[in-house]
């Protein structure tokens, strides 16, 4: 008698859940530069928060000379997120490291104290944003120590969207804002 071959049914393959495509390390991240106010309005609250932290990383890279990885770790944010929101302000040097450019054209909404009152302005370059930041530090110094000379460099207007704004440097008006507690040192309205 011939032996019957046992037929073995092949076990059914398990269907695996569809995986999202993963980027490999070093893959290019597509930057998402925000240069217009309407582009900023499209972002969710989480994306706005991530973008602000990416701008903080960019600032720390410029101020302290930190690498992208170190600055991103300090801000508790991923390198790819920084490259997504501030990638146009980063360049690679000859060794392949990311370095910040001298200036950028990324939009920042900033609280500014002008001669016509407090305003939230859409500042569209890093030089103007730095000037506004220095102004707020000067106001803080003036109110703390009474040194009005720190406000002298801020006599010139800032131009935002083809409109000139004069920063408030009048000592009486600044003290009135401080006494009425209408003076906020938060530069960015989303904080």
C-alpha atoms as a PDB file:
ATOM      1  CA  UNK A   1       0.000   0.000   0.000  1.00  0.00           C
ATOM      2  CA  UNK A   2       1.164   3.410  -0.869  1.00  0.00           C
ATOM      3  CA  UNK A   3       1.360   5.967   1.814  1.00  0.00           C
ATOM      4  CA  UNK A   4      -0.955   8.876   1.442  1.00  0.00           C
ATOM      5  CA  UNK A   5       0.650  12.253   1.459  1.00  0.00           C
ATOM      6  CA  UNK A   6      -0.678  14.420   4.131  1.00  0.00           C
ATOM      7  CA  UNK A   7      -1.866  17.654   2.699  1.00  0.00           C
ATOM      8  CA  UNK A   8      -0.906  20.497   4.798  1.00  0.00           C
ATOM      9  CA  UNK A   9      -2.908  23.593   4.467  1.00  0.00           C
ATOM     10  CA  UNK A  10      -0.755  26.652   4.512  1.00  0.00           C
ATOM     11  CA  UNK A  11      -1.565  28.899   7.421  1.00  0.00           C
ATOM     12  CA  UNK A  12      -3.275  32.074   6.393  1.00  0.00           C
ATOM     13  CA  UNK A  13      -0.997  35.057   6.406  1.00  0.00           C
ATOM     14  CA  UNK A  14      -1.797  37.639   8.976  1.00  0.00           C
ATOM     15  CA  UNK A  15      -2.753  40.948   7.535  1.00  0.00           C
ATOM     16  CA  UNK A  16      -0.673  43.651   8.976  1.00  0.00           C
ATOM     17  CA  UNK A  17      -2.071  47.050   9.668  1.00  0.00           C
ATOM     18  CA  UNK A  18      -1.122  49.622   7.101  1.00  0.00           C
ATOM     19  CA  UNK A  19       1.917  51.463   8.282  1.00  0.00           C
ATOM     20  CA  UNK A  20       2.482  55.077   7.643  1.00  0.00           C
ATOM     21  CA  UNK A  21       5.500  55.651   5.465  1.00  0.00           C
ATOM     22  CA  UNK A  22       8.479  56.367   7.681  1.00  0.00           C
ATOM     23  CA  UNK A  23      11.170  58.757   6.723  1.00  0.00           C
ATOM     24  CA  UNK A  24      14.647  57.399   6.948  1.00  0.00           C
ATOM     25  CA  UNK A  25      17.214  59.350   8.886  1.00  0.00           C
ATOM     26  CA  UNK A  26      18.597  62.178   6.837  1.00  0.00           C
ATOM     27  CA  UNK A  27      15.624  62.343   4.473  1.00  0.00           C
ATOM     28  CA  UNK A  28      14.710  65.812   3.348  1.00  0.00           C
ATOM     29  CA  UNK A  29      11.969  67.532   5.311  1.00  0.00           C
ATOM     30  CA  UNK A  30       9.872  69.875   3.247  1.00  0.00           C
ATOM     31  CA  UNK A  31       9.931  73.352   4.829  1.00  0.00           C
ATOM     32  CA  UNK A  32       6.675  75.122   5.545  1.00  0.00           C
ATOM     33  CA  UNK A  33       7.662  78.786   5.655  1.00  0.00           C
ATOM     34  CA  UNK A  34       4.963  81.065   7.024  1.00  0.00           C
ATOM     35  CA  UNK A  35       5.347  84.472   5.413  1.00  0.00           C
ATOM     36  CA  UNK A  36       1.766  85.760   5.267  1.00  0.00           C
ATOM     37  CA  UNK A  37      -0.808  86.227   8.055  1.00  0.00           C
ATOM     38  CA  UNK A  38      -3.388  84.025   6.324  1.00  0.00           C
ATOM     39  CA  UNK A  39      -0.892  81.139   6.282  1.00  0.00           C
ATOM     40  CA  UNK A  40      -0.499  81.471  10.047  1.00  0.00           C
ATOM     41  CA  UNK A  41      -4.265  81.418  10.541  1.00  0.00           C
ATOM     42  CA  UNK A  42      -4.491  78.003   8.841  1.00  0.00           C
ATOM     43  CA  UNK A  43      -2.330  76.351  11.500  1.00  0.00           C
ATOM     44  CA  UNK A  44      -3.828  74.474  14.425  1.00  0.00           C
ATOM     45  CA  UNK A  45      -2.993  75.414  18.020  1.00  0.00           C
ATOM     46  CA  UNK A  46      -0.459  72.560  18.242  1.00  0.00           C
ATOM     47  CA  UNK A  47       1.216  73.636  15.000  1.00  0.00           C
ATOM     48  CA  UNK A  48       1.417  77.239  16.225  1.00  0.00           C
ATOM     49  CA  UNK A  49       3.051  76.048  19.444  1.00  0.00           C
ATOM     50  CA  UNK A  50       5.528  73.864  17.519  1.00  0.00           C
ATOM     51  CA  UNK A  51       6.346  76.773  15.203  1.00  0.00           C
ATOM     52  CA  UNK A  52       7.024  79.109  18.130  1.00  0.00           C
ATOM     53  CA  UNK A  53       9.395  76.544  19.621  1.00  0.00           C
ATOM     54  CA  UNK A  54      11.113  76.175  16.252  1.00  0.00           C
ATOM     55  CA  UNK A  55      11.630  79.948  16.154  1.00  0.00           C
ATOM     56  CA  UNK A  56      13.027  79.719  19.696  1.00  0.00           C
ATOM     57  CA  UNK A  57      15.513  77.082  18.480  1.00  0.00           C
ATOM     58  CA  UNK A  58      16.529  79.339  15.601  1.00  0.00           C
ATOM     59  CA  UNK A  59      17.020  82.229  18.020  1.00  0.00           C
ATOM     60  CA  UNK A  60      19.188  80.127  20.346  1.00  0.00           C
ATOM     61  CA  UNK A  61      21.280  78.901  17.431  1.00  0.00           C
ATOM     62  CA  UNK A  62      21.972  82.510  16.465  1.00  0.00           C
ATOM     63  CA  UNK A  63      22.492  83.814  19.996  1.00  0.00           C
ATOM     64  CA  UNK A  64      24.620  81.044  21.511  1.00  0.00           C
ATOM     65  CA  UNK A  65      26.091  79.375  18.422  1.00  0.00           C
ATOM     66  CA  UNK A  66      24.476  76.049  19.317  1.00  0.00           C
ATOM     67  CA  UNK A  67      24.053  73.223  16.855  1.00  0.00           C
ATOM     68  CA  UNK A  68      20.591  72.368  15.594  1.00  0.00           C
ATOM     69  CA  UNK A  69      20.498  69.147  17.617  1.00  0.00           C
ATOM     70  CA  UNK A  70      21.556  70.800  20.872  1.00  0.00           C
ATOM     71  CA  UNK A  71      19.178  73.746  20.479  1.00  0.00           C
ATOM     72  CA  UNK A  72      16.294  71.422  19.574  1.00  0.00           C
ATOM     73  CA  UNK A  73      16.938  69.246  22.631  1.00  0.00           C
ATOM     74  CA  UNK A  74      16.991  72.306  24.878  1.00  0.00           C
ATOM     75  CA  UNK A  75      13.601  73.388  23.501  1.00  0.00           C
ATOM     76  CA  UNK A  76      12.216  69.824  23.716  1.00  0.00           C
ATOM     77  CA  UNK A  77      11.393  69.661  20.017  1.00  0.00           C
ATOM     78  CA  UNK A  78      12.378  67.341  17.183  1.00  0.00           C
ATOM     79  CA  UNK A  79      14.979  68.453  14.625  1.00  0.00           C
ATOM     80  CA  UNK A  80      12.609  67.662  11.753  1.00  0.00           C
ATOM     81  CA  UNK A  81       9.962  69.941  13.255  1.00  0.00           C
ATOM     82  CA  UNK A  82      12.497  72.774  13.384  1.00  0.00           C
ATOM     83  CA  UNK A  83      13.434  72.120   9.769  1.00  0.00           C
ATOM     84  CA  UNK A  84       9.750  72.120   8.826  1.00  0.00           C
ATOM     85  CA  UNK A  85       8.891  75.493  10.355  1.00  0.00           C
ATOM     86  CA  UNK A  86      12.250  77.320  10.198  1.00  0.00           C
ATOM     87  CA  UNK A  87      14.000  75.395   7.443  1.00  0.00           C
ATOM     88  CA  UNK A  88      14.290  78.362   5.098  1.00  0.00           C
ATOM     89  CA  UNK A  89      16.403  80.111   7.758  1.00  0.00           C
ATOM     90  CA  UNK A  90      18.866  77.198   7.971  1.00  0.00           C
ATOM     91  CA  UNK A  91      21.741  76.382   5.632  1.00  0.00           C
ATOM     92  CA  UNK A  92      24.181  73.491   5.597  1.00  0.00           C
ATOM     93  CA  UNK A  93      27.860  74.335   5.801  1.00  0.00           C
ATOM     94  CA  UNK A  94      30.713  72.436   4.123  1.00  0.00           C
ATOM     95  CA  UNK A  95      30.720  69.767   6.841  1.00  0.00           C
ATOM     96  CA  UNK A  96      26.964  69.160   6.469  1.00  0.00           C
ATOM     97  CA  UNK A  97      25.959  70.848   9.740  1.00  0.00           C
ATOM     98  CA  UNK A  98      22.966  73.135   9.867  1.00  0.00           C
ATOM     99  CA  UNK A  99      23.764  76.788  10.511  1.00  0.00           C
ATOM    100  CA  UNK A 100      21.291  79.655  10.830  1.00  0.00           C
ATOM    101  CA  UNK A 101      21.276  82.362   8.198  1.00  0.00           C
ATOM    102  CA  UNK A 102      21.968  85.918   9.309  1.00  0.00           C
ATOM    103  CA  UNK A 103      18.378  87.040   8.714  1.00  0.00           C
ATOM    104  CA  UNK A 104      15.107  85.452   7.768  1.00  0.00           C
ATOM    105  CA  UNK A 105      11.741  86.499   6.339  1.00  0.00           C
ATOM    106  CA  UNK A 106       9.550  84.341   8.580  1.00  0.00           C
ATOM    107  CA  UNK A 107       6.378  85.929   9.908  1.00  0.00           C
ATOM    108  CA  UNK A 108       6.092  86.610  13.636  1.00  0.00           C
ATOM    109  CA  UNK A 109       3.067  88.100  15.341  1.00  0.00           C
ATOM    110  CA  UNK A 110       4.377  90.368  18.088  1.00  0.00           C
ATOM    111  CA  UNK A 111       2.894  92.553  20.821  1.00  0.00           C
ATOM    112  CA  UNK A 112       4.156  96.076  20.227  1.00  0.00           C
ATOM    113  CA  UNK A 113       3.577  99.244  22.216  1.00  0.00           C
ATOM    114  CA  UNK A 114       3.204 102.092  19.698  1.00  0.00           C
ATOM    115  CA  UNK A 115       2.352 105.762  20.101  1.00  0.00           C
ATOM    116  CA  UNK A 116      -1.247 104.871  19.176  1.00  0.00           C
ATOM    117  CA  UNK A 117      -1.521 102.080  21.774  1.00  0.00           C
ATOM    118  CA  UNK A 118      -0.838  98.375  22.059  1.00  0.00           C
ATOM    119  CA  UNK A 119      -0.968  96.453  18.794  1.00  0.00           C
ATOM    120  CA  UNK A 120      -0.308  92.946  17.543  1.00  0.00           C
ATOM    121  CA  UNK A 121       1.792  93.421  14.416  1.00  0.00           C
ATOM    122  CA  UNK A 122       2.714  90.896  11.740  1.00  0.00           C
ATOM    123  CA  UNK A 123       6.478  91.402  11.715  1.00  0.00           C
ATOM    124  CA  UNK A 124       7.909  89.841   8.565  1.00  0.00           C
ATOM    125  CA  UNK A 125      11.638  89.739   9.173  1.00  0.00           C
ATOM    126  CA  UNK A 126      14.044  88.830  11.945  1.00  0.00           C
ATOM    127  CA  UNK A 127      15.782  92.232  12.018  1.00  0.00           C
ATOM    128  CA  UNK A 128      12.545  94.053  12.915  1.00  0.00           C
ATOM    129  CA  UNK A 129      11.635  91.314  15.410  1.00  0.00           C
ATOM    130  CA  UNK A 130      15.028  91.743  17.110  1.00  0.00           C
ATOM    131  CA  UNK A 131      14.529  95.508  17.194  1.00  0.00           C
ATOM    132  CA  UNK A 132      11.119  95.081  18.873  1.00  0.00           C
ATOM    133  CA  UNK A 133      12.642  92.642  21.370  1.00  0.00           C
ATOM    134  CA  UNK A 134      15.414  95.114  22.215  1.00  0.00           C
ATOM    135  CA  UNK A 135      12.778  97.835  22.616  1.00  0.00           C
ATOM    136  CA  UNK A 136      10.820  95.758  25.141  1.00  0.00           C
ATOM    137  CA  UNK A 137      14.038  95.082  27.065  1.00  0.00           C
ATOM    138  CA  UNK A 138      14.715  98.838  27.024  1.00  0.00           C
ATOM    139  CA  UNK A 139      11.210  99.552  28.362  1.00  0.00           C
ATOM    140  CA  UNK A 140      11.749  97.016  31.139  1.00  0.00           C
ATOM    141  CA  UNK A 141      15.113  98.622  31.995  1.00  0.00           C
ATOM    142  CA  UNK A 142      13.562 102.097  32.004  1.00  0.00           C
ATOM    143  CA  UNK A 143      10.708 101.119  34.311  1.00  0.00           C
ATOM    144  CA  UNK A 144      12.970  99.200  36.665  1.00  0.00           C
ATOM    145  CA  UNK A 145      15.833 101.690  36.995  1.00  0.00           C
ATOM    146  CA  UNK A 146      14.461 104.936  35.546  1.00  0.00           C
ATOM    147  CA  UNK A 147      17.226 105.153  32.922  1.00  0.00           C
ATOM    148  CA  UNK A 148      15.478 106.958  30.030  1.00  0.00           C
ATOM    149  CA  UNK A 149      18.631 106.902  27.863  1.00  0.00           C
ATOM    150  CA  UNK A 150      18.014 103.252  26.995  1.00  0.00           C
ATOM    151  CA  UNK A 151      14.985 104.386  24.960  1.00  0.00           C
ATOM    152  CA  UNK A 152      16.942 106.739  22.691  1.00  0.00           C
ATOM    153  CA  UNK A 153      17.765 104.171  19.967  1.00  0.00           C
ATOM    154  CA  UNK A 154      14.058 103.526  19.461  1.00  0.00           C
ATOM    155  CA  UNK A 155      13.132 106.909  18.066  1.00  0.00           C
ATOM    156  CA  UNK A 156      13.114 105.602  14.510  1.00  0.00           C
ATOM    157  CA  UNK A 157       9.918 103.980  13.240  1.00  0.00           C
ATOM    158  CA  UNK A 158       9.496 100.342  12.323  1.00  0.00           C
ATOM    159  CA  UNK A 159       7.883  99.478   9.023  1.00  0.00           C
ATOM    160  CA  UNK A 160       5.446  96.586   8.966  1.00  0.00           C
ATOM    161  CA  UNK A 161       3.507  95.899   5.788  1.00  0.00           C
ATOM    162  CA  UNK A 162       4.320  99.324   4.292  1.00  0.00           C
ATOM    163  CA  UNK A 163       2.972 101.089   7.395  1.00  0.00           C
ATOM    164  CA  UNK A 164       5.274 102.988   9.730  1.00  0.00           C
ATOM    165  CA  UNK A 165       4.784 102.599  13.457  1.00  0.00           C
ATOM    166  CA  UNK A 166       6.538 104.708  16.065  1.00  0.00           C
ATOM    167  CA  UNK A 167       7.370 102.889  19.274  1.00  0.00           C
ATOM    168  CA  UNK A 168       6.224 104.514  22.505  1.00  0.00           C
ATOM    169  CA  UNK A 169       9.232 106.136  24.193  1.00  0.00           C
ATOM    170  CA  UNK A 170       7.454 108.841  26.190  1.00  0.00           C
ATOM    171  CA  UNK A 171       8.340 108.325  29.865  1.00  0.00           C
ATOM    172  CA  UNK A 172       4.957 109.527  31.160  1.00  0.00           C
ATOM    173  CA  UNK A 173       2.987 107.299  28.817  1.00  0.00           C
ATOM    174  CA  UNK A 174       5.132 104.261  29.653  1.00  0.00           C
ATOM    175  CA  UNK A 175       4.637 104.828  33.376  1.00  0.00           C
ATOM    176  CA  UNK A 176       0.874 105.150  32.812  1.00  0.00           C
ATOM    177  CA  UNK A 177       0.822 101.835  30.943  1.00  0.00           C
ATOM    178  CA  UNK A 178       2.822 100.222  33.750  1.00  0.00           C
ATOM    179  CA  UNK A 179       0.584 101.688  36.496  1.00  0.00           C
ATOM    180  CA  UNK A 180      -2.563 100.528  34.695  1.00  0.00           C
ATOM    181  CA  UNK A 181      -0.931  97.093  34.280  1.00  0.00           C
ATOM    182  CA  UNK A 182      -1.532  97.248  30.540  1.00  0.00           C
ATOM    183  CA  UNK A 183       2.131  96.686  29.825  1.00  0.00           C
ATOM    184  CA  UNK A 184       2.887  93.071  28.910  1.00  0.00           C
ATOM    185  CA  UNK A 185       6.434  91.869  28.367  1.00  0.00           C
ATOM    186  CA  UNK A 186       5.236  88.861  26.393  1.00  0.00           C
ATOM    187  CA  UNK A 187       6.423  89.490  22.859  1.00  0.00           C
ATOM    188  CA  UNK A 188       4.301  86.824  21.214  1.00  0.00           C
ATOM    189  CA  UNK A 189       0.519  86.836  21.729  1.00  0.00           C
ATOM    190  CA  UNK A 190       0.178  83.022  21.651  1.00  0.00           C
ATOM    191  CA  UNK A 191       2.268  82.375  24.768  1.00  0.00           C
END
